Protein backbone atom coordinates (compact mmCIF):
# COMPACT_ATOMS: atom_id res chain seq x y z
CA UNK A 1 19.38 11.68 12.13
CA UNK A 2 21.23 10.64 8.58
CA UNK A 3 20.54 7.09 7.16
CA UNK A 4 23.65 5.64 8.03
CA UNK A 5 23.44 6.53 11.58
CA UNK A 6 20.16 4.57 11.58
CA UNK A 7 21.77 1.52 10.82
CA UNK A 8 23.01 0.78 14.27
CA UNK A 9 20.41 -0.68 16.35
CA UNK A 10 20.33 0.77 20.03
CA UNK A 11 21.57 -1.12 22.41
CA UNK A 12 19.23 -4.09 23.47
CA UNK A 13 17.78 -3.99 20.02
CA UNK A 14 17.82 -6.13 16.67
CA UNK A 15 17.40 -5.42 13.14
CA UNK A 16 17.47 -7.41 9.83
CA UNK A 17 20.46 -5.64 8.59
CA UNK A 18 20.91 -7.85 4.76
CA UNK A 19 20.29 -10.46 3.09
CA UNK A 20 22.80 -11.81 0.08
CA UNK A 21 21.97 -13.68 -3.37
CA UNK A 22 25.27 -15.67 -4.04
CA UNK A 23 25.83 -15.04 -7.55
CA UNK A 24 28.46 -16.69 -10.60
CA UNK A 25 28.68 -12.91 -12.39
CA UNK A 26 28.70 -10.22 -10.28
CA UNK A 27 27.97 -7.82 -13.15
CA UNK A 28 24.99 -9.87 -15.01
CA UNK A 29 23.50 -9.55 -10.93
CA UNK A 30 24.08 -6.23 -11.07
CA UNK A 31 22.65 -5.03 -14.66
CA UNK A 32 19.55 -7.04 -13.28
CA UNK A 33 19.16 -4.27 -10.37
CA UNK A 34 20.16 -1.73 -12.12
CA UNK A 35 17.57 -2.25 -15.25
CA UNK A 36 15.14 -2.68 -12.33
CA UNK A 37 16.16 1.41 -10.94
CA UNK A 38 18.25 0.33 -8.19
CA UNK A 39 21.49 1.80 -7.84
CA UNK A 40 24.15 -0.57 -7.21
CA UNK A 41 27.11 -0.10 -5.97
CA UNK A 42 30.89 -0.69 -7.33
CA UNK A 43 32.57 -4.09 -6.79
CA UNK A 44 34.04 -4.03 -3.78
CA UNK A 45 36.55 -6.93 -2.42
CA UNK A 46 36.24 -8.86 1.39
CA UNK A 47 39.14 -9.10 3.32
CA UNK A 48 39.11 -10.60 6.94
CA UNK A 49 42.33 -9.96 9.83
CA UNK A 50 43.42 -13.63 8.49
CA UNK A 51 43.65 -11.99 4.83
CA UNK A 52 41.34 -12.38 1.53
CA UNK A 53 38.04 -13.66 2.00
CA UNK A 54 38.41 -15.11 -1.43
CA UNK A 55 34.75 -12.97 -2.26
CA UNK A 56 33.30 -9.74 -3.66
CA UNK A 57 30.49 -7.95 -3.29
CA UNK A 58 28.45 -5.30 -4.41
CA UNK A 59 25.34 -4.39 -2.98
CA UNK A 60 22.19 -2.06 -2.83
CA UNK A 61 21.62 0.03 0.20
CA UNK A 62 18.32 0.79 1.42
CA UNK A 63 16.96 3.50 3.81
CA UNK A 64 16.25 -0.22 6.14
CA UNK A 65 18.81 -2.43 5.56
CA UNK A 66 20.46 -3.66 2.52
CA UNK A 67 20.97 -6.22 -0.44
CA UNK A 68 24.32 -7.84 -0.75
CA UNK A 69 24.90 -9.65 -4.29
CA UNK A 70 28.17 -12.03 -3.27
CA UNK A 71 30.05 -14.29 -5.45
CA UNK A 72 33.43 -16.50 -4.41
CA UNK A 73 36.38 -15.45 -6.54
CA UNK A 74 39.41 -17.44 -4.86
CA UNK A 75 40.47 -20.75 -3.35
CA UNK A 76 39.63 -19.79 0.39
CA UNK A 77 37.29 -22.46 2.81
CA UNK A 78 34.65 -19.38 2.90
CA UNK A 79 34.68 -19.43 -1.02
CA UNK A 80 34.44 -22.97 -0.79
CA UNK A 81 31.47 -23.35 1.81
CA UNK A 82 29.97 -20.25 -1.10
CA UNK A 83 30.06 -22.61 -3.70
CA UNK A 84 28.56 -26.04 -1.96
CA UNK A 85 25.98 -23.67 -0.74
CA UNK A 86 25.50 -22.62 -4.86
CA UNK A 87 25.24 -26.27 -6.07
CA UNK A 88 22.50 -26.79 -4.01
CA UNK A 89 20.01 -23.79 -5.36
CA UNK A 90 20.29 -20.23 -6.95
CA UNK A 91 18.90 -17.73 -4.75
CA UNK A 92 19.63 -16.39 -1.21
CA UNK A 93 21.67 -18.07 1.33
CA UNK A 94 22.57 -15.63 3.78
CA UNK A 95 20.57 -13.67 6.55
CA UNK A 96 22.24 -11.22 8.66
CA UNK A 97 20.97 -9.48 11.71
CA UNK A 98 22.41 -6.58 13.04
CA UNK A 99 23.79 -5.57 16.48
CA UNK A 100 24.77 -3.44 18.50
CA UNK A 101 27.58 -5.75 20.62
CA UNK A 102 29.08 -8.77 18.20
CA UNK A 103 31.05 -9.78 21.28
CA UNK A 104 28.57 -10.22 23.52
CA UNK A 105 26.36 -12.35 20.83
CA UNK A 106 29.10 -14.34 20.24
CA UNK A 107 29.25 -15.19 24.05
CA UNK A 108 25.66 -15.60 23.80
CA UNK A 109 25.53 -18.42 21.19
CA UNK A 110 28.32 -20.46 22.27
CA UNK A 111 25.85 -20.67 25.36
CA UNK A 112 23.21 -21.79 23.45
CA UNK A 113 25.14 -24.20 21.70
CA UNK A 114 25.38 -22.86 18.23
CA UNK A 115 29.23 -23.50 18.51
CA UNK A 116 30.15 -20.19 16.56
CA UNK A 117 33.30 -19.31 14.30
CA UNK A 118 36.22 -17.09 16.05
CA UNK A 119 34.73 -13.36 15.57
CA UNK A 120 35.57 -12.09 12.11
CA UNK A 121 36.99 -8.39 11.39
CA UNK A 122 35.98 -8.07 7.94
CA UNK A 123 36.42 -4.93 5.70
CA UNK A 124 36.35 -3.77 2.30
CA UNK A 125 37.78 -0.60 0.73
CA UNK A 126 35.22 1.35 -1.39
CA UNK A 127 35.14 4.03 -3.38
CA UNK A 128 36.23 7.63 -2.03
CA UNK A 129 39.62 5.75 -0.22
CA UNK A 130 36.98 4.94 2.52
CA UNK A 131 37.06 1.67 4.54
CA UNK A 132 33.69 -0.25 5.40
CA UNK A 133 34.64 -1.94 8.30
CA UNK A 134 32.40 -5.01 9.99
CA UNK A 135 32.58 -7.21 13.42
CA UNK A 136 30.87 -10.80 11.88
CA UNK A 137 29.46 -13.45 14.02
CA UNK A 138 28.86 -16.58 12.26
CA UNK A 139 27.08 -19.98 14.06
CA UNK A 140 29.59 -22.84 13.10
CA UNK A 141 28.22 -24.86 9.67
CA UNK A 142 25.16 -26.95 10.28
CA UNK A 143 23.85 -25.22 12.97
CA UNK A 144 21.79 -23.30 10.95
CA UNK A 145 20.79 -25.29 8.17
CA UNK A 146 18.97 -23.19 6.30
CA UNK A 147 22.10 -21.27 5.40
CA UNK A 148 24.39 -18.38 6.32
CA UNK A 149 22.82 -16.88 9.77
CA UNK A 150 24.54 -14.15 11.06
CA UNK A 151 25.21 -11.18 13.01
CA UNK A 152 27.09 -8.08 12.06
CA UNK A 153 28.37 -5.17 13.71
CA UNK A 154 28.21 -2.02 11.93
CA UNK A 155 31.04 -0.35 12.54
CA UNK A 156 31.23 2.47 9.89
CA UNK A 157 27.64 2.81 8.54
CA UNK A 158 28.46 5.94 6.03
CA UNK A 159 31.09 4.63 4.44
CA UNK A 160 28.42 2.13 2.43
CA UNK A 161 25.02 3.98 3.31
CA UNK A 162 26.04 6.91 1.03
CA UNK A 163 24.33 9.61 -0.33
CA UNK A 164 24.65 8.34 -4.48
CA UNK A 165 23.85 4.60 -3.59
CA UNK A 166 20.53 5.50 -2.10
CA UNK A 167 18.96 7.23 -5.03
CA UNK A 168 16.47 4.80 -6.55
CA UNK A 169 14.28 5.10 -8.72
CA UNK A 170 11.65 2.33 -8.39
CA UNK A 171 10.18 3.35 -4.38
CA UNK A 172 11.86 0.54 -2.57
CA UNK A 173 12.92 1.88 0.97
CA UNK A 174 13.97 -1.33 3.12
CA UNK A 175 14.03 -5.26 3.62
CA UNK A 176 10.67 -6.07 5.49
CA UNK A 177 11.28 -9.63 6.28
CA UNK A 178 12.80 -12.89 5.40
CA UNK A 179 11.36 -15.85 3.78
CA UNK A 180 12.77 -19.23 5.38
CA UNK A 181 11.86 -22.78 4.60
CA UNK A 182 11.56 -25.76 6.95
CA UNK A 183 10.25 -29.29 6.89
CA UNK A 184 8.86 -28.54 10.25
CA UNK A 185 8.33 -24.82 10.56
CA UNK A 186 7.70 -24.42 14.56
CA UNK A 187 10.92 -26.56 15.22
CA UNK A 188 12.45 -24.37 13.18
CA UNK A 189 11.49 -21.35 14.81
CA UNK A 190 12.07 -22.62 18.19
CA UNK A 191 15.99 -23.14 17.24
CA UNK A 192 16.05 -19.23 15.54
CA UNK A 193 14.25 -18.03 18.69
CA UNK A 194 17.16 -19.25 20.59
CA UNK A 195 19.60 -17.62 17.85
CA UNK A 196 18.28 -14.32 17.94
CA UNK A 197 16.90 -14.75 21.67
CA UNK A 198 13.52 -13.87 20.26
CA UNK A 199 10.00 -15.45 20.22
CA UNK A 200 8.26 -16.84 18.06
CA UNK A 201 4.12 -15.77 17.04
CA UNK A 202 2.05 -17.01 14.22
CA UNK A 203 1.38 -15.24 11.37
CA UNK A 204 -1.17 -16.50 9.11
CA UNK A 205 0.00 -20.05 8.31
CA UNK A 206 3.76 -18.54 9.08
CA UNK A 207 5.88 -18.79 12.38
CA UNK A 208 7.01 -14.99 12.62
CA UNK A 209 10.56 -13.77 14.23
CA UNK A 210 10.13 -10.22 15.02
CA UNK A 211 13.28 -7.68 15.53
CA UNK A 212 12.85 -3.83 16.10
CA UNK A 213 13.24 -4.12 12.24
CA UNK A 214 12.11 -6.40 10.04
CA UNK A 215 11.29 -9.88 10.97
CA UNK A 216 11.79 -13.55 9.32
CA UNK A 217 8.80 -15.75 8.39
CA UNK A 218 9.53 -19.30 8.45
CA UNK A 219 7.32 -22.16 6.79
CA UNK A 220 7.12 -25.46 4.91
CA UNK A 221 7.79 -25.03 1.09
CA UNK A 222 4.71 -25.20 -0.23
CA UNK A 223 3.64 -22.42 2.15
CA UNK A 224 6.01 -20.35 1.09
CA UNK A 225 5.69 -21.39 -2.51
CA UNK A 226 1.76 -19.78 -2.30
CA UNK A 227 3.48 -16.36 -0.94
CA UNK A 228 6.57 -16.34 -3.59
CA UNK A 229 5.40 -18.14 -6.52
CA UNK A 230 8.99 -20.59 -5.85
CA UNK A 231 10.79 -21.83 -2.97
CA UNK A 232 13.65 -24.18 -2.49
CA UNK A 233 13.60 -27.87 -0.99
CA UNK A 234 13.76 -27.41 2.88
CA UNK A 235 16.44 -26.13 4.41
CA UNK A 236 16.92 -22.91 2.59
CA UNK A 237 16.33 -19.07 2.26
CA UNK A 238 13.73 -18.41 -0.48
CA UNK A 239 13.88 -14.63 -0.38
CA UNK A 240 13.09 -11.67 0.98
CA UNK A 241 10.22 -9.37 1.79
CA UNK A 242 11.01 -5.20 0.23
CA UNK A 243 9.51 -2.65 1.81
CA UNK A 244 8.30 0.00 -0.94
CA UNK A 245 6.19 3.14 -1.49
CA UNK A 246 4.00 1.63 -4.14
CA UNK A 247 4.43 -1.95 -4.32
CA UNK A 248 2.03 -2.22 -7.23
CA UNK A 249 4.06 0.69 -9.31
CA UNK A 250 7.49 -1.50 -8.73
CA UNK A 251 5.50 -4.59 -9.62
CA UNK A 252 4.48 -3.42 -12.89
CA UNK A 253 7.82 -2.15 -13.61
CA UNK A 254 8.95 -5.86 -12.91
CA UNK A 255 6.99 -7.13 -15.35
CA UNK A 256 7.71 -5.18 -18.05
CA UNK A 257 11.29 -5.98 -17.76
CA UNK A 258 9.71 -9.59 -18.67
CA UNK A 259 9.73 -11.14 -14.60
CA UNK A 260 7.13 -13.25 -13.45
CA UNK A 261 4.71 -11.35 -10.93
CA UNK A 262 1.77 -13.30 -9.09
CA UNK A 263 -1.44 -11.89 -7.63
CA UNK A 264 0.54 -11.15 -4.02
CA UNK A 265 2.60 -8.76 -5.73
CA UNK A 266 5.90 -11.43 -5.13
CA UNK A 267 8.47 -11.08 -7.91
CA UNK A 268 10.50 -14.91 -9.05
CA UNK A 269 14.19 -13.71 -10.06
CA UNK A 270 15.72 -14.89 -13.11
CA UNK A 271 18.91 -17.11 -12.46
CA UNK A 272 21.35 -14.14 -12.61
CA UNK A 273 19.81 -13.52 -8.62
CA UNK A 274 17.75 -16.33 -8.28
CA UNK A 275 15.18 -16.06 -5.32
CA UNK A 276 11.78 -13.92 -4.95
CA UNK A 277 11.06 -10.99 -3.59
CA UNK A 278 7.17 -9.87 -2.07
CA UNK A 279 6.81 -6.75 -2.53
CA UNK A 280 4.61 -4.83 0.56
CA UNK A 281 3.83 -1.52 1.80
CA UNK A 282 6.07 0.25 4.68
CA UNK A 283 4.64 -0.24 7.62
CA UNK A 284 3.55 2.73 9.85
CA UNK A 285 5.68 3.05 12.86
């Protein structure tokens, strides 16, 4: 099966699809990622069924999920919400789950009190004349206070998971986890569990919410900071784990580039991106 085809969860399944850094300068963020061995997609302008979204992005496409760098570019409500989030801290503000059925997720979130916004039909032109298309489900602002937590149904994965964008030179293979900061991790995990229709469990000091590919780890600021080396105040999204072919080798590459790497193989990212990475080995399935 092609990598693009593997990004659509089977019926009844859920993936950790992508995470997003909200950044001020796409070029600076993209140059940093490229210097660390990532192939970064060209700039793409986002459009909804109602017109311009007011945002543009570039992405690091992985064999399992992707990392997005997203910036506000206009005076739209969507862009205004982004700018408000960016004033709180620099870094990761979005966690997105991949679903095979966006409309069903929207209806379920309504039943569970998340007051989802109207379904967004998002599209963006990519190189080669192709159009990437998505159905996006977002909870009402404030219902998931840690950040923008949403669902996406990938409608044209072959448009973005393209061979030239998967040729990374650092052995990074996919998203393994997102780290969430909460004042009360147990209570926050119960809410996240209702959001994804999952069951929380203990994983060390964290409360974990596993999906069929990837997981969410929720802890206090001190607990998250002990692993990642840095974390925003609660509520927030501190960073994410990258599954690597050789985590130690990529950690050494990051250190040679001047990034701070701790003994847990966590990398504190500079202001151009913000947040932190936790470098972990690929789990055997």
